[in-house]
Each structure stands twice: as structure tokens, then as C-alpha cells.
Amino acid sequence: MIYLHELLDLEDIYDEGEVWITKKRYYGAKSATGDIRYFVDRKDAAAYAAGNIKPPHVGRPEPKDHKQHHEPKQKYTA
């Protein structure tokens, strides 16, 4: 779990484009705009810090598209 007081302290410590590892073994990255995001993979964190990828979506995931279930076809038996 990431605590707010940890995030507030990190804003001043790290420069834009920098990647670091946290105590919980996640990789933090600071983008050129000053946004801080956390990743599981160091490669993804470095790409985010360089501005090559978008950050992970924060918050609730988008709902998935589910297969539509149709009414069963009516079968006549004689």
C-alpha cells in the first residue's frame, strides 16, 4: 500500500525522468510533467519516465464487454 505522506515527500526528492525502487519492491517513475506513477516492471517505469508510454489508469477499471446471450432457438419435435 502506498501512503500519501510517502508521495508528498517524493515530489521534492526525485527529478523529472527519474526511476527508483520503493520499499514494497515497486518502481516509481516521475514524468516530464512532474506526475509520479508506480509500476511492477522497471522497463515500463523507465518508458513512462522517458515519455514513451501512458501511465496506468488510476482508479476503477473500465467495464468489460460481455458476450450477449440470446434466447434459445425454439425446436419443434413431431
PDB file of N, CA and C in Angstrom:
ATOM      1  N   MET A   1       0.840  -1.164   0.000  1.00  0.00           N
ATOM      2  CA  MET A   1       0.000   0.000   0.000  1.00  0.00           C
ATOM      3  C   MET A   1       0.894   1.238   0.000  1.00  0.00           C
ATOM      4  N   ILE A   2       0.525   2.210  -0.780  1.00  0.00           N
ATOM      5  CA  ILE A   2       1.282   3.454  -0.864  1.00  0.00           C
ATOM      6  C   ILE A   2       0.559   4.507  -0.028  1.00  0.00           C
ATOM      7  N   TYR A   3       1.290   5.141   0.850  1.00  0.00           N
ATOM      8  CA  TYR A   3       0.710   6.134   1.731  1.00  0.00           C
ATOM      9  C   TYR A   3       0.920   7.535   1.171  1.00  0.00           C
ATOM     10  N   LEU A   4      -0.002   8.427   1.490  1.00  0.00           N
ATOM     11  CA  LEU A   4       0.037   9.786   0.969  1.00  0.00           C
ATOM     12  C   LEU A   4       1.280  10.532   1.428  1.00  0.00           C
ATOM     13  N   HIS A   5       1.695  10.342   2.674  1.00  0.00           N
ATOM     14  CA  HIS A   5       2.861  11.075   3.161  1.00  0.00           C
ATOM     15  C   HIS A   5       4.131  10.660   2.428  1.00  0.00           C
ATOM     16  N   GLU A   6       4.174   9.417   1.935  1.00  0.00           N
ATOM     17  CA  GLU A   6       5.315   8.987   1.130  1.00  0.00           C
ATOM     18  C   GLU A   6       5.328   9.712  -0.211  1.00  0.00           C
ATOM     19  N   LEU A   7       4.159   9.885  -0.800  1.00  0.00           N
ATOM     20  CA  LEU A   7       4.075  10.564  -2.091  1.00  0.00           C
ATOM     21  C   LEU A   7       4.451  12.036  -1.976  1.00  0.00           C
ATOM     22  N   LEU A   8       4.015  12.666  -0.919  1.00  0.00           N
ATOM     23  CA  LEU A   8       4.320  14.089  -0.758  1.00  0.00           C
ATOM     24  C   LEU A   8       5.811  14.322  -0.574  1.00  0.00           C
ATOM     25  N   ASP A   9       6.482  13.426   0.103  1.00  0.00           N
ATOM     26  CA  ASP A   9       7.923  13.562   0.300  1.00  0.00           C
ATOM     27  C   ASP A   9       8.699  13.296  -0.988  1.00  0.00           C
ATOM     28  N   LEU A  10       8.184  12.432  -1.855  1.00  0.00           N
ATOM     29  CA  LEU A  10       8.898  12.045  -3.059  1.00  0.00           C
ATOM     30  C   LEU A  10       8.910  13.135  -4.121  1.00  0.00           C
ATOM     31  N   GLU A  11       7.949  14.042  -4.096  1.00  0.00           N
ATOM     32  CA  GLU A  11       7.883  15.063  -5.137  1.00  0.00           C
ATOM     33  C   GLU A  11       9.133  15.930  -5.157  1.00  0.00           C
ATOM     34  N   ASP A  12       9.708  16.206  -4.013  1.00  0.00           N
ATOM     35  CA  ASP A  12      10.867  17.071  -3.952  1.00  0.00           C
ATOM     36  C   ASP A  12      12.173  16.304  -4.139  1.00  0.00           C
ATOM     37  N   ILE A  13      12.183  15.029  -3.860  1.00  0.00           N
ATOM     38  CA  ILE A  13      13.416  14.251  -3.894  1.00  0.00           C
ATOM     39  C   ILE A  13      13.831  13.909  -5.317  1.00  0.00           C
ATOM     40  N   TYR A  14      12.891  13.488  -6.167  1.00  0.00           N
ATOM     41  CA  TYR A  14      13.221  12.957  -7.482  1.00  0.00           C
ATOM     42  C   TYR A  14      12.990  14.003  -8.567  1.00  0.00           C
ATOM     43  N   ASP A  15      13.838  13.956  -9.593  1.00  0.00           N
ATOM     44  CA  ASP A  15      13.730  14.857 -10.732  1.00  0.00           C
ATOM     45  C   ASP A  15      12.884  14.214 -11.824  1.00  0.00           C
ATOM     46  N   GLU A  16      12.468  15.020 -12.802  1.00  0.00           N
ATOM     47  CA  GLU A  16      11.693  14.515 -13.923  1.00  0.00           C
ATOM     48  C   GLU A  16      12.527  13.514 -14.721  1.00  0.00           C
ATOM     49  N   GLY A  17      11.906  12.413 -15.103  1.00  0.00           N
ATOM     50  CA  GLY A  17      12.578  11.388 -15.880  1.00  0.00           C
ATOM     51  C   GLY A  17      13.353  10.386 -15.052  1.00  0.00           C
ATOM     52  N   GLU A  18      13.197  10.409 -13.747  1.00  0.00           N
ATOM     53  CA  GLU A  18      13.953   9.516 -12.869  1.00  0.00           C
ATOM     54  C   GLU A  18      13.107   8.313 -12.459  1.00  0.00           C
ATOM     55  N   VAL A  19      13.769   7.163 -12.251  1.00  0.00           N
ATOM     56  CA  VAL A  19      13.114   5.919 -11.836  1.00  0.00           C
ATOM     57  C   VAL A  19      13.774   5.456 -10.543  1.00  0.00           C
ATOM     58  N   TRP A  20      12.980   4.959  -9.596  1.00  0.00           N
ATOM     59  CA  TRP A  20      13.505   4.459  -8.331  1.00  0.00           C
ATOM     60  C   TRP A  20      12.692   3.259  -7.880  1.00  0.00           C
ATOM     61  N   ILE A  21      13.218   2.527  -6.910  1.00  0.00           N
ATOM     62  CA  ILE A  21      12.529   1.359  -6.366  1.00  0.00           C
ATOM     63  C   ILE A  21      12.062   1.701  -4.949  1.00  0.00           C
ATOM     64  N   THR A  22      10.852   1.253  -4.607  1.00  0.00           N
ATOM     65  CA  THR A  22      10.286   1.552  -3.297  1.00  0.00           C
ATOM     66  C   THR A  22      10.557   0.404  -2.336  1.00  0.00           C
ATOM     67  N   LYS A  23      10.179   0.589  -1.088  1.00  0.00           N
ATOM     68  CA  LYS A  23      10.356  -0.454  -0.070  1.00  0.00           C
ATOM     69  C   LYS A  23       9.522  -1.684  -0.385  1.00  0.00           C
ATOM     70  N   LYS A  24       8.387  -1.509  -1.046  1.00  0.00           N
ATOM     71  CA  LYS A  24       7.485  -2.615  -1.369  1.00  0.00           C
ATOM     72  C   LYS A  24       7.843  -3.276  -2.701  1.00  0.00           C
ATOM     73  N   ARG A  25       8.998  -2.963  -3.274  1.00  0.00           N
ATOM     74  CA  ARG A  25       9.524  -3.562  -4.496  1.00  0.00           C
ATOM     75  C   ARG A  25       8.752  -3.142  -5.748  1.00  0.00           C
ATOM     76  N   TYR A  26       8.164  -1.945  -5.735  1.00  0.00           N
ATOM     77  CA  TYR A  26       7.564  -1.357  -6.929  1.00  0.00           C
ATOM     78  C   TYR A  26       8.529  -0.308  -7.462  1.00  0.00           C
ATOM     79  N   TYR A  27       8.403  -0.001  -8.748  1.00  0.00           N
ATOM     80  CA  TYR A  27       9.257   1.005  -9.358  1.00  0.00           C
ATOM     81  C   TYR A  27       8.471   2.292  -9.528  1.00  0.00           C
ATOM     82  N   GLY A  28       9.014   3.362  -9.003  1.00  0.00           N
ATOM     83  CA  GLY A  28       8.405   4.668  -9.156  1.00  0.00           C
ATOM     84  C   GLY A  28       9.051   5.390 -10.314  1.00  0.00           C
ATOM     85  N   ALA A  29       8.267   6.220 -11.012  1.00  0.00           N
ATOM     86  CA  ALA A  29       8.789   6.992 -12.133  1.00  0.00           C
ATOM     87  C   ALA A  29       8.133   8.363 -12.119  1.00  0.00           C
ATOM     88  N   LYS A  30       8.941   9.386 -12.410  1.00  0.00           N
ATOM     89  CA  LYS A  30       8.430  10.749 -12.463  1.00  0.00           C
ATOM     90  C   LYS A  30       8.529  11.233 -13.900  1.00  0.00           C
ATOM     91  N   SER A  31       7.389  11.645 -14.467  1.00  0.00           N
ATOM     92  CA  SER A  31       7.356  12.060 -15.863  1.00  0.00           C
ATOM     93  C   SER A  31       7.876  13.483 -16.004  1.00  0.00           C
ATOM     94  N   ALA A  32       7.962  13.951 -17.232  1.00  0.00           N
ATOM     95  CA  ALA A  32       8.435  15.304 -17.511  1.00  0.00           C
ATOM     96  C   ALA A  32       7.462  16.353 -16.992  1.00  0.00           C
ATOM     97  N   THR A  33       6.194  15.989 -16.825  1.00  0.00           N
ATOM     98  CA  THR A  33       5.204  16.927 -16.296  1.00  0.00           C
ATOM     99  C   THR A  33       5.172  16.933 -14.778  1.00  0.00           C
ATOM    100  N   GLY A  34       5.965  16.064 -14.150  1.00  0.00           N
ATOM    101  CA  GLY A  34       6.025  16.019 -12.695  1.00  0.00           C
ATOM    102  C   GLY A  34       5.095  15.016 -12.045  1.00  0.00           C
ATOM    103  N   ASP A  35       4.375  14.229 -12.861  1.00  0.00           N
ATOM    104  CA  ASP A  35       3.466  13.211 -12.327  1.00  0.00           C
ATOM    105  C   ASP A  35       4.258  11.983 -11.907  1.00  0.00           C
ATOM    106  N   ILE A  36       3.890  11.402 -10.769  1.00  0.00           N
ATOM    107  CA  ILE A  36       4.554  10.206 -10.252  1.00  0.00           C
ATOM    108  C   ILE A  36       3.594   9.031 -10.360  1.00  0.00           C
ATOM    109  N   ARG A  37       4.063   7.923 -10.954  1.00  0.00           N
ATOM    110  CA  ARG A  37       3.281   6.698 -11.066  1.00  0.00           C
ATOM    111  C   ARG A  37       4.162   5.535 -10.648  1.00  0.00           C
ATOM    112  N   TYR A  38       3.530   4.429 -10.283  1.00  0.00           N
ATOM    113  CA  TYR A  38       4.243   3.247  -9.810  1.00  0.00           C
ATOM    114  C   TYR A  38       3.958   2.071 -10.721  1.00  0.00           C
ATOM    115  N   PHE A  39       4.986   1.261 -10.977  1.00  0.00           N
ATOM    116  CA  PHE A  39       4.907   0.141 -11.899  1.00  0.00           C
ATOM    117  C   PHE A  39       5.491  -1.106 -11.246  1.00  0.00           C
ATOM    118  N   VAL A  40       5.113  -2.275 -11.762  1.00  0.00           N
ATOM    119  CA  VAL A  40       5.653  -3.541 -11.303  1.00  0.00           C
ATOM    120  C   VAL A  40       6.981  -3.822 -12.015  1.00  0.00           C
ATOM    121  N   ASP A  41       7.094  -3.392 -13.261  1.00  0.00           N
ATOM    122  CA  ASP A  41       8.256  -3.676 -14.093  1.00  0.00           C
ATOM    123  C   ASP A  41       9.117  -2.417 -14.258  1.00  0.00           C
ATOM    124  N   ARG A  42      10.420  -2.553 -14.109  1.00  0.00           N
ATOM    125  CA  ARG A  42      11.328  -1.411 -14.253  1.00  0.00           C
ATOM    126  C   ARG A  42      11.344  -0.883 -15.688  1.00  0.00           C
ATOM    127  N   LYS A  43      11.195  -1.780 -16.651  1.00  0.00           N
ATOM    128  CA  LYS A  43      11.193  -1.383 -18.056  1.00  0.00           C
ATOM    129  C   LYS A  43      10.024  -0.431 -18.345  1.00  0.00           C
ATOM    130  N   ASP A  44       8.842  -0.746 -17.812  1.00  0.00           N
ATOM    131  CA  ASP A  44       7.678   0.112 -18.005  1.00  0.00           C
ATOM    132  C   ASP A  44       7.857   1.454 -17.299  1.00  0.00           C
ATOM    133  N   ALA A  45       8.450   1.421 -16.117  1.00  0.00           N
ATOM    134  CA  ALA A  45       8.680   2.664 -15.376  1.00  0.00           C
ATOM    135  C   ALA A  45       9.651   3.567 -16.127  1.00  0.00           C
ATOM    136  N   ALA A  46      10.700   2.993 -16.703  1.00  0.00           N
ATOM    137  CA  ALA A  46      11.668   3.788 -17.452  1.00  0.00           C
ATOM    138  C   ALA A  46      11.034   4.369 -18.713  1.00  0.00           C
ATOM    139  N   ALA A  47      10.166   3.599 -19.368  1.00  0.00           N
ATOM    140  CA  ALA A  47       9.479   4.095 -20.561  1.00  0.00           C
ATOM    141  C   ALA A  47       8.529   5.231 -20.204  1.00  0.00           C
ATOM    142  N   TYR A  48       7.855   5.146 -19.064  1.00  0.00           N
ATOM    143  CA  TYR A  48       6.970   6.224 -18.625  1.00  0.00           C
ATOM    144  C   TYR A  48       7.767   7.487 -18.289  1.00  0.00           C
ATOM    145  N   ALA A  49       8.896   7.323 -17.612  1.00  0.00           N
ATOM    146  CA  ALA A  49       9.724   8.466 -17.255  1.00  0.00           C
ATOM    147  C   ALA A  49      10.280   9.152 -18.498  1.00  0.00           C
ATOM    148  N   ALA A  50      10.544   8.379 -19.551  1.00  0.00           N
ATOM    149  CA  ALA A  50      11.051   8.941 -20.803  1.00  0.00           C
ATOM    150  C   ALA A  50       9.932   9.541 -21.656  1.00  0.00           C
ATOM    151  N   GLY A  51       8.684   9.270 -21.287  1.00  0.00           N
ATOM    152  CA  GLY A  51       7.552   9.818 -22.033  1.00  0.00           C
ATOM    153  C   GLY A  51       7.107   8.942 -23.192  1.00  0.00           C
ATOM    154  N   ASN A  52       7.503   7.687 -23.211  1.00  0.00           N
ATOM    155  CA  ASN A  52       7.167   6.801 -24.321  1.00  0.00           C
ATOM    156  C   ASN A  52       5.834   6.093 -24.159  1.00  0.00           C
ATOM    157  N   ILE A  53       5.328   5.935 -22.936  1.00  0.00           N
ATOM    158  CA  ILE A  53       4.048   5.249 -22.722  1.00  0.00           C
ATOM    159  C   ILE A  53       3.168   6.091 -21.814  1.00  0.00           C
ATOM    160  N   LYS A  54       1.870   5.800 -21.851  1.00  0.00           N
ATOM    161  CA  LYS A  54       0.917   6.465 -20.971  1.00  0.00           C
ATOM    162  C   LYS A  54       0.968   5.816 -19.596  1.00  0.00           C
ATOM    163  N   PRO A  55       0.574   6.523 -18.559  1.00  0.00           N
ATOM    164  CA  PRO A  55       0.582   5.924 -17.214  1.00  0.00           C
ATOM    165  C   PRO A  55      -0.529   4.909 -17.073  1.00  0.00           C
ATOM    166  N   PRO A  56      -0.424   4.020 -16.063  1.00  0.00           N
ATOM    167  CA  PRO A  56      -1.525   3.095 -15.808  1.00  0.00           C
ATOM    168  C   PRO A  56      -2.747   3.866 -15.341  1.00  0.00           C
ATOM    169  N   HIS A  57      -3.919   3.351 -15.648  1.00  0.00           N
ATOM    170  CA  HIS A  57      -5.157   4.012 -15.260  1.00  0.00           C
ATOM    171  C   HIS A  57      -5.328   3.932 -13.747  1.00  0.00           C
ATOM    172  N   VAL A  58      -5.519   5.062 -13.139  1.00  0.00           N
ATOM    173  CA  VAL A  58      -5.707   5.112 -11.694  1.00  0.00           C
ATOM    174  C   VAL A  58      -7.196   5.059 -11.400  1.00  0.00           C
ATOM    175  N   GLY A  59      -7.589   4.199 -10.491  1.00  0.00           N
ATOM    176  CA  GLY A  59      -8.988   4.127 -10.100  1.00  0.00           C
ATOM    177  C   GLY A  59      -9.650   2.857 -10.592  1.00  0.00           C
ATOM    178  N   ARG A  60     -10.942   2.956 -10.797  1.00  0.00           N
ATOM    179  CA  ARG A  60     -11.751   1.800 -11.146  1.00  0.00           C
ATOM    180  C   ARG A  60     -11.521   1.397 -12.605  1.00  0.00           C
ATOM    181  N   PRO A  61     -11.382   0.098 -12.887  1.00  0.00           N
ATOM    182  CA  PRO A  61     -11.180  -0.329 -14.273  1.00  0.00           C
ATOM    183  C   PRO A  61     -12.431  -0.128 -15.119  1.00  0.00           C
ATOM    184  N   GLU A  62     -12.224  -0.024 -16.406  1.00  0.00           N
ATOM    185  CA  GLU A  62     -13.345   0.119 -17.337  1.00  0.00           C
ATOM    186  C   GLU A  62     -14.140  -1.181 -17.371  1.00  0.00           C
ATOM    187  N   PRO A  63     -15.469  -1.093 -17.521  1.00  0.00           N
ATOM    188  CA  PRO A  63     -16.260  -2.324 -17.589  1.00  0.00           C
ATOM    189  C   PRO A  63     -15.940  -3.100 -18.862  1.00  0.00           C
ATOM    190  N   LYS A  64     -15.960  -4.420 -18.761  1.00  0.00           N
ATOM    191  CA  LYS A  64     -15.656  -5.276 -19.897  1.00  0.00           C
ATOM    192  C   LYS A  64     -16.907  -5.480 -20.747  1.00  0.00           C
ATOM    193  N   ASP A  65     -16.670  -5.681 -22.034  1.00  0.00           N
ATOM    194  CA  ASP A  65     -17.774  -6.013 -22.936  1.00  0.00           C
ATOM    195  C   ASP A  65     -18.053  -7.501 -22.812  1.00  0.00           C
ATOM    196  N   HIS A  66     -19.264  -7.825 -22.441  1.00  0.00           N
ATOM    197  CA  HIS A  66     -19.636  -9.222 -22.269  1.00  0.00           C
ATOM    198  C   HIS A  66     -20.384  -9.718 -23.504  1.00  0.00           C
ATOM    199  N   LYS A  67     -20.242 -10.995 -23.768  1.00  0.00           N
ATOM    200  CA  LYS A  67     -20.936 -11.619 -24.879  1.00  0.00           C
ATOM    201  C   LYS A  67     -22.440 -11.570 -24.612  1.00  0.00           C
ATOM    202  N   GLN A  68     -23.181 -11.189 -25.640  1.00  0.00           N
ATOM    203  CA  GLN A  68     -24.628 -11.118 -25.476  1.00  0.00           C
ATOM    204  C   GLN A  68     -25.214 -12.516 -25.494  1.00  0.00           C
ATOM    205  N   HIS A  69     -26.119 -12.772 -24.581  1.00  0.00           N
ATOM    206  CA  HIS A  69     -26.785 -14.063 -24.522  1.00  0.00           C
ATOM    207  C   HIS A  69     -28.127 -13.927 -25.233  1.00  0.00           C
ATOM    208  N   HIS A  70     -28.322 -14.781 -26.213  1.00  0.00           N
ATOM    209  CA  HIS A  70     -29.559 -14.748 -26.984  1.00  0.00           C
ATOM    210  C   HIS A  70     -30.523 -15.782 -26.448  1.00  0.00           C
ATOM    211  N   GLU A  71     -31.754 -15.553 -26.770  1.00  0.00           N
ATOM    212  CA  GLU A  71     -32.790 -16.509 -26.374  1.00  0.00           C
ATOM    213  C   GLU A  71     -32.538 -17.820 -27.118  1.00  0.00           C
ATOM    214  N   PRO A  72     -32.755 -18.952 -26.469  1.00  0.00           N
ATOM    215  CA  PRO A  72     -32.546 -20.228 -27.173  1.00  0.00           C
ATOM    216  C   PRO A  72     -33.553 -20.390 -28.328  1.00  0.00           C
ATOM    217  N   LYS A  73     -33.098 -21.009 -29.413  1.00  0.00           N
ATOM    218  CA  LYS A  73     -33.973 -21.228 -30.539  1.00  0.00           C
ATOM    219  C   LYS A  73     -35.021 -22.260 -30.177  1.00  0.00           C
ATOM    220  N   GLN A  74     -36.222 -22.021 -30.668  1.00  0.00           N
ATOM    221  CA  GLN A  74     -37.309 -22.927 -30.362  1.00  0.00           C
ATOM    222  C   GLN A  74     -37.228 -24.123 -31.296  1.00  0.00           C
ATOM    223  N   LYS A  75     -37.267 -25.305 -30.757  1.00  0.00           N
ATOM    224  CA  LYS A  75     -37.175 -26.533 -31.548  1.00  0.00           C
ATOM    225  C   LYS A  75     -38.518 -27.258 -31.496  1.00  0.00           C
ATOM    226  N   TYR A  76     -38.999 -27.603 -32.649  1.00  0.00           N
ATOM    227  CA  TYR A  76     -40.261 -28.336 -32.717  1.00  0.00           C
ATOM    228  C   TYR A  76     -39.963 -29.805 -32.947  1.00  0.00           C
ATOM    229  N   THR A  77     -40.626 -30.643 -32.211  1.00  0.00           N
ATOM    230  CA  THR A  77     -40.487 -32.079 -32.410  1.00  0.00           C
ATOM    231  C   THR A  77     -41.846 -32.634 -32.844  1.00  0.00           C
ATOM    232  N   ALA A  78     -41.798 -33.520 -33.736  1.00  0.00           N
ATOM    233  CA  ALA A  78     -43.051 -34.080 -34.223  1.00  0.00           C
ATOM    234  C   ALA A  78     -43.243 -35.500 -33.765  1.00  0.00           C
TER     235      ALA A  78
END
